Amino acid sequence: MKKLMYVALGAAVLMLLSMPPVAQAQQAEVSQAIKELTDFPANGKRTTVDVTARGGADVGQIDKAAGLLADALSKTSDAKAKAQLELATAYAKARLHKEARLSAQGALHYLCQSGGGAGCEDVPKYGSYVAP
């Protein structure tokens, strides 16, 4: 009985240690939302040669990014990141993709700092406009 309890406890500990940290999951969601909101580089168009690829100002991409940002907002506990994510979500719902992207990049920076701070200066930036 005692051995079974130790095996169950060990399995529980391994499961908890193997789960990704919440901050990294939020960073991944926000990073994906930033990619969805980004215009294709130097084209200034909504589509590339591939007609199924969309980006930037496309309404479907903005709505997809708004969902990702809302999910990240519901999971975050950092006050500064939460404020930036609220702004980004509001901008995305208003279909202002550049403003939403800039606020999401600011939130990504704060999430990186609250998650340990290693490599926060290397927070991914996509496209030609950068976060404040």
N, C-alpha and C. Protein backbone atom coordinates (compact mmCIF):
# COMPACT_ATOMS: atom_id res chain seq x y z
N MET A 1 0.82 -1.18 0.00
CA MET A 1 0.00 0.00 0.00
C MET A 1 0.87 1.25 0.00
N LYS A 2 1.93 1.21 0.79
CA LYS A 2 2.82 2.36 0.89
C LYS A 2 3.55 2.60 -0.44
N LYS A 3 3.97 1.50 -1.09
CA LYS A 3 4.65 1.62 -2.38
C LYS A 3 3.72 2.21 -3.43
N LEU A 4 2.47 1.79 -3.42
CA LEU A 4 1.50 2.31 -4.38
C LEU A 4 1.28 3.80 -4.19
N MET A 5 1.25 4.24 -2.95
CA MET A 5 1.09 5.65 -2.65
C MET A 5 2.30 6.45 -3.17
N TYR A 6 3.50 5.93 -2.97
CA TYR A 6 4.70 6.61 -3.46
C TYR A 6 4.74 6.66 -4.99
N VAL A 7 4.31 5.61 -5.63
CA VAL A 7 4.27 5.58 -7.10
C VAL A 7 3.27 6.61 -7.61
N ALA A 8 2.10 6.69 -6.98
CA ALA A 8 1.09 7.66 -7.39
C ALA A 8 1.58 9.09 -7.16
N LEU A 9 2.23 9.31 -6.03
CA LEU A 9 2.77 10.64 -5.73
C LEU A 9 3.87 11.01 -6.73
N GLY A 10 4.73 10.07 -7.05
CA GLY A 10 5.79 10.33 -8.04
C GLY A 10 5.23 10.64 -9.41
N ALA A 11 4.19 9.92 -9.80
CA ALA A 11 3.55 10.18 -11.10
C ALA A 11 2.92 11.56 -11.13
N ALA A 12 2.29 11.95 -10.03
CA ALA A 12 1.68 13.28 -9.96
C ALA A 12 2.73 14.38 -10.06
N VAL A 13 3.85 14.19 -9.38
CA VAL A 13 4.93 15.18 -9.43
C VAL A 13 5.50 15.28 -10.85
N LEU A 14 5.69 14.15 -11.51
CA LEU A 14 6.19 14.18 -12.89
C LEU A 14 5.23 14.88 -13.82
N MET A 15 3.93 14.68 -13.63
CA MET A 15 2.95 15.34 -14.48
C MET A 15 2.98 16.85 -14.27
N LEU A 16 3.11 17.27 -13.02
CA LEU A 16 3.15 18.71 -12.74
C LEU A 16 4.42 19.35 -13.29
N LEU A 17 5.54 18.65 -13.21
CA LEU A 17 6.80 19.20 -13.70
C LEU A 17 6.86 19.21 -15.22
N SER A 18 6.14 18.32 -15.88
CA SER A 18 6.20 18.26 -17.34
C SER A 18 5.27 19.25 -18.01
N MET A 19 4.34 19.84 -17.26
CA MET A 19 3.42 20.82 -17.86
C MET A 19 4.18 22.11 -18.15
N PRO A 20 3.89 22.77 -19.29
CA PRO A 20 4.55 24.04 -19.57
C PRO A 20 4.06 25.13 -18.63
N PRO A 21 4.92 26.04 -18.26
CA PRO A 21 4.49 27.14 -17.39
C PRO A 21 3.41 27.98 -18.07
N VAL A 22 2.52 28.53 -17.25
CA VAL A 22 1.39 29.30 -17.79
C VAL A 22 1.88 30.53 -18.53
N ALA A 23 2.92 31.19 -18.03
CA ALA A 23 3.41 32.40 -18.69
C ALA A 23 3.92 32.09 -20.10
N GLN A 24 4.57 30.94 -20.28
CA GLN A 24 5.05 30.59 -21.61
C GLN A 24 3.90 30.27 -22.54
N ALA A 25 2.83 29.66 -22.02
CA ALA A 25 1.67 29.38 -22.85
C ALA A 25 1.01 30.69 -23.27
N GLN A 26 0.93 31.66 -22.36
CA GLN A 26 0.38 32.96 -22.70
C GLN A 26 1.25 33.67 -23.72
N GLN A 27 2.57 33.58 -23.55
CA GLN A 27 3.48 34.19 -24.52
C GLN A 27 3.28 33.59 -25.89
N ALA A 28 3.06 32.29 -25.96
CA ALA A 28 2.85 31.63 -27.25
C ALA A 28 1.56 32.12 -27.90
N GLU A 29 0.48 32.28 -27.11
CA GLU A 29 -0.78 32.78 -27.65
C GLU A 29 -0.64 34.20 -28.16
N VAL A 30 0.01 35.05 -27.38
CA VAL A 30 0.17 36.45 -27.77
C VAL A 30 1.09 36.56 -28.99
N SER A 31 2.14 35.75 -29.03
CA SER A 31 3.05 35.75 -30.17
C SER A 31 2.32 35.32 -31.44
N GLN A 32 1.46 34.30 -31.33
CA GLN A 32 0.68 33.86 -32.49
C GLN A 32 -0.30 34.95 -32.93
N ALA A 33 -0.91 35.67 -31.98
CA ALA A 33 -1.83 36.76 -32.31
C ALA A 33 -1.09 37.88 -33.04
N ILE A 34 0.14 38.16 -32.60
CA ILE A 34 0.94 39.19 -33.27
C ILE A 34 1.22 38.79 -34.71
N LYS A 35 1.54 37.53 -34.92
CA LYS A 35 1.78 37.06 -36.29
C LYS A 35 0.53 37.17 -37.15
N GLU A 36 -0.64 36.90 -36.55
CA GLU A 36 -1.89 37.00 -37.30
C GLU A 36 -2.20 38.44 -37.69
N LEU A 37 -1.80 39.39 -36.85
CA LEU A 37 -2.10 40.80 -37.09
C LEU A 37 -1.09 41.49 -37.99
N THR A 38 -0.03 40.80 -38.37
CA THR A 38 1.05 41.42 -39.11
C THR A 38 0.80 41.34 -40.61
N ASP A 39 1.00 42.47 -41.27
CA ASP A 39 0.93 42.49 -42.73
C ASP A 39 2.10 41.70 -43.30
N PHE A 40 1.94 41.17 -44.48
CA PHE A 40 3.04 40.49 -45.13
C PHE A 40 4.14 41.50 -45.45
N PRO A 41 5.41 41.14 -45.28
CA PRO A 41 6.50 42.10 -45.41
C PRO A 41 6.62 42.68 -46.81
N ALA A 42 6.63 44.00 -46.86
CA ALA A 42 6.92 44.79 -48.06
C ALA A 42 5.91 44.61 -49.18
N ASN A 43 4.82 43.87 -48.96
CA ASN A 43 3.83 43.73 -50.03
C ASN A 43 2.74 44.78 -49.93
N GLY A 44 2.30 45.08 -48.71
CA GLY A 44 1.21 46.02 -48.54
C GLY A 44 -0.10 45.46 -49.04
N LYS A 45 -0.19 44.15 -49.19
CA LYS A 45 -1.39 43.52 -49.69
C LYS A 45 -1.96 42.58 -48.64
N ARG A 46 -3.17 42.16 -48.88
CA ARG A 46 -3.81 41.24 -47.94
C ARG A 46 -3.53 39.79 -48.29
N THR A 47 -3.13 39.51 -49.49
CA THR A 47 -2.83 38.14 -49.87
C THR A 47 -1.46 38.07 -50.52
N THR A 48 -0.88 36.90 -50.51
CA THR A 48 0.37 36.67 -51.22
C THR A 48 0.03 35.91 -52.50
N VAL A 49 0.98 35.28 -53.10
CA VAL A 49 0.72 34.47 -54.28
C VAL A 49 -0.26 33.34 -53.94
N ASP A 50 -0.13 32.79 -52.74
CA ASP A 50 -1.04 31.76 -52.28
C ASP A 50 -2.34 32.43 -51.84
N VAL A 51 -3.44 32.20 -52.54
CA VAL A 51 -4.69 32.89 -52.25
C VAL A 51 -5.33 32.45 -50.94
N THR A 52 -4.88 31.33 -50.37
CA THR A 52 -5.44 30.90 -49.09
C THR A 52 -4.72 31.53 -47.91
N ALA A 53 -3.56 32.13 -48.13
CA ALA A 53 -2.81 32.77 -47.05
C ALA A 53 -3.30 34.19 -46.86
N ARG A 54 -3.67 34.51 -45.66
CA ARG A 54 -4.16 35.85 -45.33
C ARG A 54 -3.32 36.42 -44.20
N GLY A 55 -3.30 37.73 -44.07
CA GLY A 55 -2.55 38.33 -42.98
C GLY A 55 -2.91 39.77 -42.79
N GLY A 56 -2.52 40.32 -41.66
CA GLY A 56 -2.65 41.74 -41.40
C GLY A 56 -4.07 42.23 -41.29
N ALA A 57 -4.49 43.02 -42.26
CA ALA A 57 -5.77 43.72 -42.19
C ALA A 57 -6.96 42.84 -42.57
N ASP A 58 -6.76 41.57 -42.85
CA ASP A 58 -7.88 40.70 -43.19
C ASP A 58 -8.76 40.51 -41.96
N VAL A 59 -10.06 40.64 -42.15
CA VAL A 59 -11.01 40.60 -41.04
C VAL A 59 -10.97 39.27 -40.30
N GLY A 60 -10.83 38.18 -41.03
CA GLY A 60 -10.77 36.87 -40.39
C GLY A 60 -9.55 36.73 -39.50
N GLN A 61 -8.42 37.26 -39.94
CA GLN A 61 -7.19 37.19 -39.14
C GLN A 61 -7.32 38.05 -37.89
N ILE A 62 -7.95 39.21 -38.02
CA ILE A 62 -8.13 40.09 -36.86
C ILE A 62 -9.02 39.41 -35.83
N ASP A 63 -10.09 38.76 -36.29
CA ASP A 63 -10.99 38.06 -35.37
C ASP A 63 -10.29 36.89 -34.70
N LYS A 64 -9.47 36.17 -35.45
CA LYS A 64 -8.71 35.05 -34.88
C LYS A 64 -7.75 35.56 -33.81
N ALA A 65 -7.07 36.67 -34.10
CA ALA A 65 -6.14 37.25 -33.13
C ALA A 65 -6.88 37.76 -31.89
N ALA A 66 -8.09 38.32 -32.09
CA ALA A 66 -8.87 38.80 -30.94
C ALA A 66 -9.21 37.65 -30.01
N GLY A 67 -9.52 36.50 -30.57
CA GLY A 67 -9.80 35.32 -29.75
C GLY A 67 -8.58 34.86 -28.98
N LEU A 68 -7.42 34.84 -29.65
CA LEU A 68 -6.18 34.45 -28.98
C LEU A 68 -5.83 35.42 -27.85
N LEU A 69 -6.01 36.71 -28.10
CA LEU A 69 -5.71 37.71 -27.08
C LEU A 69 -6.67 37.61 -25.90
N ALA A 70 -7.95 37.33 -26.18
CA ALA A 70 -8.92 37.18 -25.10
C ALA A 70 -8.59 35.95 -24.25
N ASP A 71 -8.14 34.87 -24.89
CA ASP A 71 -7.73 33.68 -24.13
C ASP A 71 -6.54 33.98 -23.22
N ALA A 72 -5.56 34.70 -23.77
CA ALA A 72 -4.38 35.06 -22.98
C ALA A 72 -4.77 35.99 -21.84
N LEU A 73 -5.72 36.90 -22.10
CA LEU A 73 -6.18 37.84 -21.07
C LEU A 73 -6.84 37.11 -19.91
N SER A 74 -7.62 36.08 -20.22
CA SER A 74 -8.31 35.35 -19.16
C SER A 74 -7.34 34.55 -18.28
N LYS A 75 -6.14 34.26 -18.80
CA LYS A 75 -5.17 33.45 -18.05
C LYS A 75 -4.11 34.26 -17.33
N THR A 76 -3.93 35.53 -17.66
CA THR A 76 -2.82 36.29 -17.11
C THR A 76 -3.12 36.83 -15.71
N SER A 77 -2.07 37.01 -14.94
CA SER A 77 -2.21 37.58 -13.60
C SER A 77 -1.37 38.84 -13.43
N ASP A 78 -0.45 39.11 -14.36
CA ASP A 78 0.39 40.31 -14.30
C ASP A 78 -0.45 41.54 -14.66
N ALA A 79 -0.41 42.57 -13.81
CA ALA A 79 -1.27 43.74 -13.99
C ALA A 79 -0.93 44.53 -15.26
N LYS A 80 0.36 44.73 -15.52
CA LYS A 80 0.75 45.49 -16.71
C LYS A 80 0.40 44.75 -17.99
N ALA A 81 0.66 43.45 -17.99
CA ALA A 81 0.33 42.64 -19.16
C ALA A 81 -1.18 42.59 -19.36
N LYS A 82 -1.92 42.52 -18.27
CA LYS A 82 -3.38 42.48 -18.36
C LYS A 82 -3.92 43.77 -18.98
N ALA A 83 -3.36 44.92 -18.57
CA ALA A 83 -3.80 46.20 -19.13
C ALA A 83 -3.51 46.26 -20.63
N GLN A 84 -2.33 45.82 -21.03
CA GLN A 84 -1.98 45.83 -22.46
C GLN A 84 -2.85 44.85 -23.24
N LEU A 85 -3.14 43.69 -22.66
CA LEU A 85 -3.99 42.72 -23.34
C LEU A 85 -5.42 43.20 -23.47
N GLU A 86 -5.91 43.95 -22.46
CA GLU A 86 -7.25 44.53 -22.56
C GLU A 86 -7.31 45.52 -23.72
N LEU A 87 -6.27 46.36 -23.81
CA LEU A 87 -6.20 47.30 -24.93
C LEU A 87 -6.13 46.58 -26.27
N ALA A 88 -5.28 45.58 -26.35
CA ALA A 88 -5.11 44.84 -27.60
C ALA A 88 -6.40 44.15 -28.01
N THR A 89 -7.11 43.57 -27.05
CA THR A 89 -8.38 42.91 -27.36
C THR A 89 -9.42 43.92 -27.84
N ALA A 90 -9.48 45.06 -27.16
CA ALA A 90 -10.44 46.10 -27.57
C ALA A 90 -10.12 46.61 -28.97
N TYR A 91 -8.85 46.84 -29.25
CA TYR A 91 -8.45 47.29 -30.59
C TYR A 91 -8.77 46.24 -31.65
N ALA A 92 -8.53 44.99 -31.33
CA ALA A 92 -8.80 43.92 -32.30
C ALA A 92 -10.30 43.80 -32.57
N LYS A 93 -11.11 43.96 -31.53
CA LYS A 93 -12.56 43.89 -31.74
C LYS A 93 -13.06 45.09 -32.54
N ALA A 94 -12.34 46.22 -32.46
CA ALA A 94 -12.68 47.40 -33.25
C ALA A 94 -12.06 47.35 -34.64
N ARG A 95 -11.35 46.24 -34.95
CA ARG A 95 -10.70 46.00 -36.25
C ARG A 95 -9.56 46.98 -36.54
N LEU A 96 -8.88 47.42 -35.50
CA LEU A 96 -7.70 48.27 -35.64
C LEU A 96 -6.47 47.38 -35.46
N HIS A 97 -6.02 46.78 -36.55
CA HIS A 97 -5.02 45.72 -36.43
C HIS A 97 -3.64 46.22 -36.04
N LYS A 98 -3.24 47.41 -36.47
CA LYS A 98 -1.91 47.90 -36.11
C LYS A 98 -1.83 48.26 -34.62
N GLU A 99 -2.86 48.92 -34.12
CA GLU A 99 -2.89 49.28 -32.70
C GLU A 99 -2.97 48.04 -31.83
N ALA A 100 -3.76 47.06 -32.26
CA ALA A 100 -3.87 45.81 -31.50
C ALA A 100 -2.53 45.11 -31.46
N ARG A 101 -1.81 45.14 -32.56
CA ARG A 101 -0.51 44.48 -32.64
C ARG A 101 0.51 45.14 -31.72
N LEU A 102 0.51 46.46 -31.70
CA LEU A 102 1.45 47.18 -30.83
C LEU A 102 1.16 46.91 -29.35
N SER A 103 -0.11 46.92 -28.97
CA SER A 103 -0.47 46.62 -27.58
C SER A 103 -0.14 45.18 -27.23
N ALA A 104 -0.33 44.26 -28.16
CA ALA A 104 0.01 42.86 -27.92
C ALA A 104 1.52 42.70 -27.74
N GLN A 105 2.31 43.46 -28.49
CA GLN A 105 3.76 43.38 -28.32
C GLN A 105 4.18 43.91 -26.95
N GLY A 106 3.51 44.96 -26.48
CA GLY A 106 3.78 45.46 -25.14
C GLY A 106 3.42 44.43 -24.08
N ALA A 107 2.27 43.75 -24.27
CA ALA A 107 1.86 42.71 -23.33
C ALA A 107 2.84 41.55 -23.35
N LEU A 108 3.34 41.21 -24.54
CA LEU A 108 4.32 40.13 -24.65
C LEU A 108 5.59 40.46 -23.87
N HIS A 109 6.00 41.72 -23.92
CA HIS A 109 7.18 42.15 -23.16
C HIS A 109 6.94 41.99 -21.66
N TYR A 110 5.78 42.43 -21.18
CA TYR A 110 5.49 42.31 -19.75
C TYR A 110 5.34 40.86 -19.32
N LEU A 111 4.74 40.02 -20.18
CA LEU A 111 4.64 38.60 -19.86
C LEU A 111 6.02 37.96 -19.77
N CYS A 112 6.92 38.38 -20.64
CA CYS A 112 8.28 37.86 -20.61
C CYS A 112 8.97 38.26 -19.32
N GLN A 113 8.80 39.51 -18.90
CA GLN A 113 9.42 39.96 -17.66
C GLN A 113 8.87 39.24 -16.45
N SER A 114 7.56 38.99 -16.43
CA SER A 114 6.97 38.31 -15.28
C SER A 114 7.27 36.82 -15.28
N GLY A 115 7.65 36.28 -16.44
CA GLY A 115 7.95 34.85 -16.53
C GLY A 115 9.38 34.50 -16.23
N GLY A 116 10.18 35.43 -15.80
CA GLY A 116 11.56 35.11 -15.44
C GLY A 116 12.54 36.12 -15.98
N GLY A 117 12.20 36.81 -17.04
CA GLY A 117 13.03 37.89 -17.53
C GLY A 117 14.20 37.50 -18.40
N ALA A 118 14.44 36.22 -18.62
CA ALA A 118 15.58 35.83 -19.45
C ALA A 118 15.23 36.02 -20.92
N GLY A 119 15.98 36.88 -21.58
CA GLY A 119 15.78 37.10 -23.01
C GLY A 119 14.63 38.03 -23.35
N CYS A 120 14.22 38.88 -22.41
CA CYS A 120 13.09 39.77 -22.68
C CYS A 120 13.42 40.84 -23.72
N GLU A 121 14.69 41.16 -23.88
CA GLU A 121 15.05 42.12 -24.92
C GLU A 121 14.95 41.49 -26.31
N ASP A 122 14.92 40.16 -26.34
CA ASP A 122 14.80 39.45 -27.60
C ASP A 122 13.37 39.00 -27.87
N VAL A 123 12.38 39.70 -27.26
CA VAL A 123 10.99 39.37 -27.52
C VAL A 123 10.73 39.53 -29.00
N PRO A 124 10.12 38.55 -29.64
CA PRO A 124 9.97 38.62 -31.10
C PRO A 124 9.17 39.83 -31.54
N LYS A 125 9.68 40.51 -32.52
CA LYS A 125 8.99 41.64 -33.13
C LYS A 125 8.84 41.31 -34.61
N TYR A 126 7.66 41.48 -35.12
CA TYR A 126 7.38 41.12 -36.49
C TYR A 126 6.98 42.38 -37.26
N GLY A 127 7.38 42.47 -38.49
CA GLY A 127 6.96 43.58 -39.33
C GLY A 127 7.75 44.83 -39.11
N SER A 128 7.19 45.95 -39.58
CA SER A 128 7.95 47.19 -39.61
C SER A 128 7.66 48.12 -38.44
N TYR A 129 6.59 47.93 -37.72
CA TYR A 129 6.31 48.80 -36.58
C TYR A 129 6.53 48.01 -35.31
N VAL A 130 7.07 48.68 -34.30
CA VAL A 130 7.50 47.98 -33.08
C VAL A 130 6.70 48.48 -31.88
N ALA A 131 6.73 47.72 -30.82
CA ALA A 131 5.95 48.03 -29.61
C ALA A 131 6.54 49.23 -28.88
N PRO A 132 5.69 49.93 -28.14
CA PRO A 132 6.17 51.08 -27.34
C PRO A 132 7.03 50.64 -26.18
